[in-house]
Amino acid sequence: MLAWVNLEKSLTTTGDLLMTPAMRNRPAMIFEIAHVLQQQSIISDSEVEDIQAFRKLRNQVVHGKLDHKDVLNKEMVEKLTSLNVKIEQRLSIQWI
């Protein structure tokens, strides 16, 4: 979950800067931020798909539909962590 929290923090911080005024009137949804970053060529189509898959899995675990012991593994956490590092690096270059 910590890997997801880190990714969500990165995305929402960036989302606050990238969202249109109409979108800023409410909390930004992660998938909306991902699509904005995709439109700006900061993240790829496959990375958006990965974010969506992780988001759905996270929601299923949090809402008790899946047991985290059954679905979370070391490789998944490493993939999520790696994705976050890549996105943060691209965003830091973008804002220089």
N, C-alpha and C. Protein backbone atom coordinates (compact mmCIF):
# COMPACT_ATOMS: atom_id res chain seq x y z
N MET A 1 0.82 -1.20 0.00
CA MET A 1 0.00 0.00 0.00
C MET A 1 0.86 1.26 0.00
N LEU A 2 2.02 1.20 0.65
CA LEU A 2 2.89 2.36 0.68
C LEU A 2 3.33 2.74 -0.74
N ALA A 3 3.59 1.75 -1.58
CA ALA A 3 3.97 2.04 -2.96
C ALA A 3 2.84 2.78 -3.68
N TRP A 4 1.60 2.37 -3.43
CA TRP A 4 0.46 3.06 -4.05
C TRP A 4 0.34 4.48 -3.51
N VAL A 5 0.49 4.65 -2.21
CA VAL A 5 0.38 5.98 -1.58
C VAL A 5 1.41 6.92 -2.20
N ASN A 6 2.63 6.44 -2.40
CA ASN A 6 3.67 7.28 -3.00
C ASN A 6 3.31 7.68 -4.42
N LEU A 7 2.78 6.74 -5.20
CA LEU A 7 2.37 7.05 -6.56
C LEU A 7 1.22 8.05 -6.55
N GLU A 8 0.26 7.83 -5.69
CA GLU A 8 -0.90 8.72 -5.62
C GLU A 8 -0.47 10.14 -5.22
N LYS A 9 0.46 10.25 -4.29
CA LYS A 9 0.95 11.58 -3.89
C LYS A 9 1.60 12.29 -5.08
N SER A 10 2.42 11.56 -5.81
CA SER A 10 3.09 12.16 -6.98
C SER A 10 2.07 12.64 -7.99
N LEU A 11 1.09 11.80 -8.26
CA LEU A 11 0.09 12.14 -9.27
C LEU A 11 -0.81 13.29 -8.82
N THR A 12 -1.25 13.26 -7.58
CA THR A 12 -2.17 14.32 -7.14
C THR A 12 -1.46 15.67 -7.01
N THR A 13 -0.21 15.66 -6.60
CA THR A 13 0.55 16.91 -6.54
C THR A 13 0.67 17.51 -7.94
N THR A 14 0.99 16.68 -8.89
CA THR A 14 1.09 17.12 -10.29
C THR A 14 -0.28 17.51 -10.81
N GLY A 15 -1.28 16.73 -10.47
CA GLY A 15 -2.63 17.00 -10.92
C GLY A 15 -3.13 18.36 -10.51
N ASP A 16 -2.74 18.79 -9.32
CA ASP A 16 -3.14 20.12 -8.85
C ASP A 16 -2.63 21.20 -9.79
N LEU A 17 -1.50 20.96 -10.40
CA LEU A 17 -0.91 21.94 -11.32
C LEU A 17 -1.48 21.85 -12.73
N LEU A 18 -1.91 20.65 -13.12
CA LEU A 18 -2.31 20.42 -14.51
C LEU A 18 -3.80 20.47 -14.77
N MET A 19 -4.60 20.36 -13.74
CA MET A 19 -6.04 20.29 -13.94
C MET A 19 -6.61 21.63 -14.41
N THR A 20 -7.66 21.53 -15.16
CA THR A 20 -8.35 22.74 -15.61
C THR A 20 -9.09 23.36 -14.42
N PRO A 21 -9.46 24.63 -14.51
CA PRO A 21 -10.19 25.25 -13.38
C PRO A 21 -11.45 24.48 -13.00
N ALA A 22 -12.17 23.95 -13.96
CA ALA A 22 -13.39 23.19 -13.64
C ALA A 22 -13.06 21.92 -12.86
N MET A 23 -11.93 21.29 -13.19
CA MET A 23 -11.54 20.07 -12.50
C MET A 23 -11.03 20.36 -11.09
N ARG A 24 -10.55 21.57 -10.85
CA ARG A 24 -10.01 21.93 -9.53
C ARG A 24 -11.10 22.15 -8.49
N ASN A 25 -12.34 22.22 -8.91
CA ASN A 25 -13.45 22.44 -7.98
C ASN A 25 -13.78 21.20 -7.16
N ARG A 26 -13.13 20.11 -7.46
CA ARG A 26 -13.36 18.86 -6.72
C ARG A 26 -12.04 18.10 -6.66
N PRO A 27 -11.93 17.12 -5.77
CA PRO A 27 -10.69 16.34 -5.72
C PRO A 27 -10.45 15.62 -7.05
N ALA A 28 -9.24 15.69 -7.53
CA ALA A 28 -8.90 15.03 -8.79
C ALA A 28 -8.85 13.52 -8.60
N MET A 29 -9.38 12.83 -9.58
CA MET A 29 -9.34 11.38 -9.58
C MET A 29 -8.03 10.93 -10.23
N ILE A 30 -7.45 9.87 -9.71
CA ILE A 30 -6.17 9.40 -10.21
C ILE A 30 -6.23 9.10 -11.71
N PHE A 31 -7.31 8.48 -12.17
CA PHE A 31 -7.38 8.14 -13.59
C PHE A 31 -7.47 9.39 -14.45
N GLU A 32 -8.08 10.46 -13.93
CA GLU A 32 -8.13 11.72 -14.68
C GLU A 32 -6.72 12.32 -14.81
N ILE A 33 -5.99 12.30 -13.72
CA ILE A 33 -4.64 12.83 -13.73
C ILE A 33 -3.77 12.01 -14.68
N ALA A 34 -3.92 10.69 -14.63
CA ALA A 34 -3.15 9.82 -15.52
C ALA A 34 -3.44 10.15 -16.98
N HIS A 35 -4.69 10.40 -17.30
CA HIS A 35 -5.04 10.72 -18.69
C HIS A 35 -4.48 12.09 -19.12
N VAL A 36 -4.47 13.05 -18.20
CA VAL A 36 -3.86 14.35 -18.52
C VAL A 36 -2.37 14.17 -18.79
N LEU A 37 -1.70 13.39 -17.94
CA LEU A 37 -0.28 13.14 -18.15
C LEU A 37 -0.02 12.38 -19.44
N GLN A 38 -0.93 11.49 -19.78
CA GLN A 38 -0.83 10.75 -21.04
C GLN A 38 -0.98 11.71 -22.23
N GLN A 39 -1.95 12.59 -22.16
CA GLN A 39 -2.16 13.56 -23.24
C GLN A 39 -0.96 14.47 -23.43
N GLN A 40 -0.22 14.71 -22.36
CA GLN A 40 0.97 15.56 -22.44
C GLN A 40 2.24 14.74 -22.70
N SER A 41 2.06 13.46 -23.02
CA SER A 41 3.16 12.54 -23.34
C SER A 41 4.16 12.39 -22.19
N ILE A 42 3.69 12.52 -20.97
CA ILE A 42 4.54 12.31 -19.80
C ILE A 42 4.52 10.84 -19.41
N ILE A 43 3.37 10.20 -19.59
CA ILE A 43 3.28 8.75 -19.36
C ILE A 43 2.68 8.09 -20.60
N SER A 44 3.00 6.82 -20.76
CA SER A 44 2.57 6.08 -21.95
C SER A 44 1.20 5.43 -21.74
N ASP A 45 0.65 4.93 -22.84
CA ASP A 45 -0.62 4.20 -22.77
C ASP A 45 -0.51 3.01 -21.82
N SER A 46 0.58 2.28 -21.93
CA SER A 46 0.73 1.09 -21.07
C SER A 46 0.88 1.47 -19.60
N GLU A 47 1.49 2.63 -19.33
CA GLU A 47 1.60 3.08 -17.94
C GLU A 47 0.24 3.50 -17.39
N VAL A 48 -0.58 4.10 -18.22
CA VAL A 48 -1.95 4.42 -17.80
C VAL A 48 -2.70 3.13 -17.47
N GLU A 49 -2.54 2.13 -18.32
CA GLU A 49 -3.18 0.83 -18.07
C GLU A 49 -2.69 0.22 -16.76
N ASP A 50 -1.39 0.33 -16.50
CA ASP A 50 -0.84 -0.20 -15.24
C ASP A 50 -1.42 0.55 -14.05
N ILE A 51 -1.51 1.86 -14.15
CA ILE A 51 -2.08 2.66 -13.05
C ILE A 51 -3.52 2.25 -12.81
N GLN A 52 -4.28 2.06 -13.88
CA GLN A 52 -5.68 1.64 -13.74
C GLN A 52 -5.77 0.27 -13.08
N ALA A 53 -4.92 -0.65 -13.50
CA ALA A 53 -4.95 -1.99 -12.92
C ALA A 53 -4.59 -1.95 -11.43
N PHE A 54 -3.56 -1.18 -11.08
CA PHE A 54 -3.19 -1.04 -9.68
C PHE A 54 -4.30 -0.37 -8.88
N ARG A 55 -4.94 0.63 -9.46
CA ARG A 55 -6.03 1.34 -8.78
C ARG A 55 -7.19 0.39 -8.49
N LYS A 56 -7.56 -0.40 -9.48
CA LYS A 56 -8.66 -1.36 -9.29
C LYS A 56 -8.32 -2.39 -8.22
N LEU A 57 -7.09 -2.88 -8.26
CA LEU A 57 -6.65 -3.86 -7.27
C LEU A 57 -6.65 -3.25 -5.88
N ARG A 58 -6.13 -2.05 -5.77
CA ARG A 58 -6.12 -1.35 -4.48
C ARG A 58 -7.52 -1.19 -3.93
N ASN A 59 -8.46 -0.79 -4.79
CA ASN A 59 -9.84 -0.60 -4.34
C ASN A 59 -10.45 -1.93 -3.88
N GLN A 60 -10.18 -2.99 -4.59
CA GLN A 60 -10.72 -4.30 -4.20
C GLN A 60 -10.16 -4.74 -2.85
N VAL A 61 -8.89 -4.48 -2.61
CA VAL A 61 -8.29 -4.84 -1.31
C VAL A 61 -8.87 -3.97 -0.20
N VAL A 62 -8.91 -2.66 -0.42
CA VAL A 62 -9.38 -1.74 0.60
C VAL A 62 -10.84 -2.00 0.95
N HIS A 63 -11.65 -2.38 -0.03
CA HIS A 63 -13.08 -2.60 0.21
C HIS A 63 -13.40 -4.06 0.57
N GLY A 64 -12.35 -4.83 0.84
CA GLY A 64 -12.54 -6.18 1.35
C GLY A 64 -12.96 -7.22 0.34
N LYS A 65 -12.88 -6.92 -0.93
CA LYS A 65 -13.28 -7.90 -1.95
C LYS A 65 -12.16 -8.90 -2.24
N LEU A 66 -10.92 -8.48 -1.99
CA LEU A 66 -9.77 -9.36 -2.15
C LEU A 66 -8.90 -9.25 -0.91
N ASP A 67 -8.23 -10.34 -0.58
CA ASP A 67 -7.30 -10.33 0.54
C ASP A 67 -5.92 -9.94 0.01
N HIS A 68 -5.31 -8.95 0.63
CA HIS A 68 -4.01 -8.47 0.15
C HIS A 68 -2.97 -9.59 0.11
N LYS A 69 -3.08 -10.57 0.99
CA LYS A 69 -2.13 -11.68 1.01
C LYS A 69 -2.22 -12.53 -0.25
N ASP A 70 -3.40 -12.53 -0.86
CA ASP A 70 -3.60 -13.34 -2.06
C ASP A 70 -3.19 -12.63 -3.35
N VAL A 71 -3.19 -11.31 -3.34
CA VAL A 71 -2.98 -10.60 -4.61
C VAL A 71 -1.70 -9.75 -4.66
N LEU A 72 -1.19 -9.34 -3.52
CA LEU A 72 0.01 -8.51 -3.52
C LEU A 72 1.24 -9.38 -3.36
N ASN A 73 2.24 -9.12 -4.21
CA ASN A 73 3.49 -9.85 -4.12
C ASN A 73 4.66 -8.89 -4.35
N LYS A 74 5.85 -9.38 -4.13
CA LYS A 74 7.04 -8.55 -4.23
C LYS A 74 7.19 -7.94 -5.62
N GLU A 75 6.95 -8.72 -6.67
CA GLU A 75 7.10 -8.23 -8.03
C GLU A 75 6.13 -7.09 -8.33
N MET A 76 4.91 -7.21 -7.83
CA MET A 76 3.91 -6.17 -8.06
C MET A 76 4.32 -4.87 -7.37
N VAL A 77 4.79 -4.97 -6.14
CA VAL A 77 5.21 -3.79 -5.40
C VAL A 77 6.41 -3.15 -6.09
N GLU A 78 7.34 -3.97 -6.57
CA GLU A 78 8.51 -3.44 -7.27
C GLU A 78 8.10 -2.75 -8.57
N LYS A 79 7.14 -3.31 -9.28
CA LYS A 79 6.66 -2.69 -10.53
C LYS A 79 6.01 -1.34 -10.24
N LEU A 80 5.20 -1.28 -9.20
CA LEU A 80 4.54 -0.04 -8.83
C LEU A 80 5.56 1.01 -8.39
N THR A 81 6.53 0.60 -7.60
CA THR A 81 7.58 1.50 -7.14
C THR A 81 8.39 2.02 -8.32
N SER A 82 8.74 1.14 -9.24
CA SER A 82 9.49 1.52 -10.43
C SER A 82 8.70 2.51 -11.28
N LEU A 83 7.42 2.26 -11.44
CA LEU A 83 6.56 3.17 -12.21
C LEU A 83 6.56 4.55 -11.57
N ASN A 84 6.45 4.60 -10.26
CA ASN A 84 6.44 5.88 -9.56
C ASN A 84 7.76 6.62 -9.76
N VAL A 85 8.88 5.92 -9.66
CA VAL A 85 10.18 6.56 -9.85
C VAL A 85 10.29 7.14 -11.25
N LYS A 86 9.87 6.38 -12.26
CA LYS A 86 9.93 6.86 -13.65
C LYS A 86 9.08 8.12 -13.83
N ILE A 87 7.88 8.09 -13.29
CA ILE A 87 6.98 9.24 -13.44
C ILE A 87 7.55 10.45 -12.72
N GLU A 88 8.05 10.26 -11.50
CA GLU A 88 8.63 11.39 -10.76
C GLU A 88 9.83 11.98 -11.50
N GLN A 89 10.67 11.13 -12.10
CA GLN A 89 11.81 11.62 -12.86
C GLN A 89 11.34 12.44 -14.05
N ARG A 90 10.36 11.96 -14.78
CA ARG A 90 9.85 12.70 -15.94
C ARG A 90 9.23 14.02 -15.51
N LEU A 91 8.52 14.00 -14.42
CA LEU A 91 7.88 15.23 -13.94
C LEU A 91 8.92 16.24 -13.46
N SER A 92 9.99 15.79 -12.82
CA SER A 92 11.01 16.72 -12.36
C SER A 92 11.72 17.35 -13.55
N ILE A 93 11.92 16.61 -14.61
CA ILE A 93 12.50 17.16 -15.84
C ILE A 93 11.53 18.15 -16.48
N GLN A 94 10.27 17.79 -16.48
CA GLN A 94 9.22 18.63 -17.08
C GLN A 94 9.16 20.01 -16.43
N TRP A 95 9.40 20.08 -15.12
CA TRP A 95 9.23 21.34 -14.39
C TRP A 95 10.51 22.14 -14.24
N ILE A 96 11.61 21.66 -14.82
CA ILE A 96 12.88 22.40 -14.72
C ILE A 96 12.84 23.62 -15.62
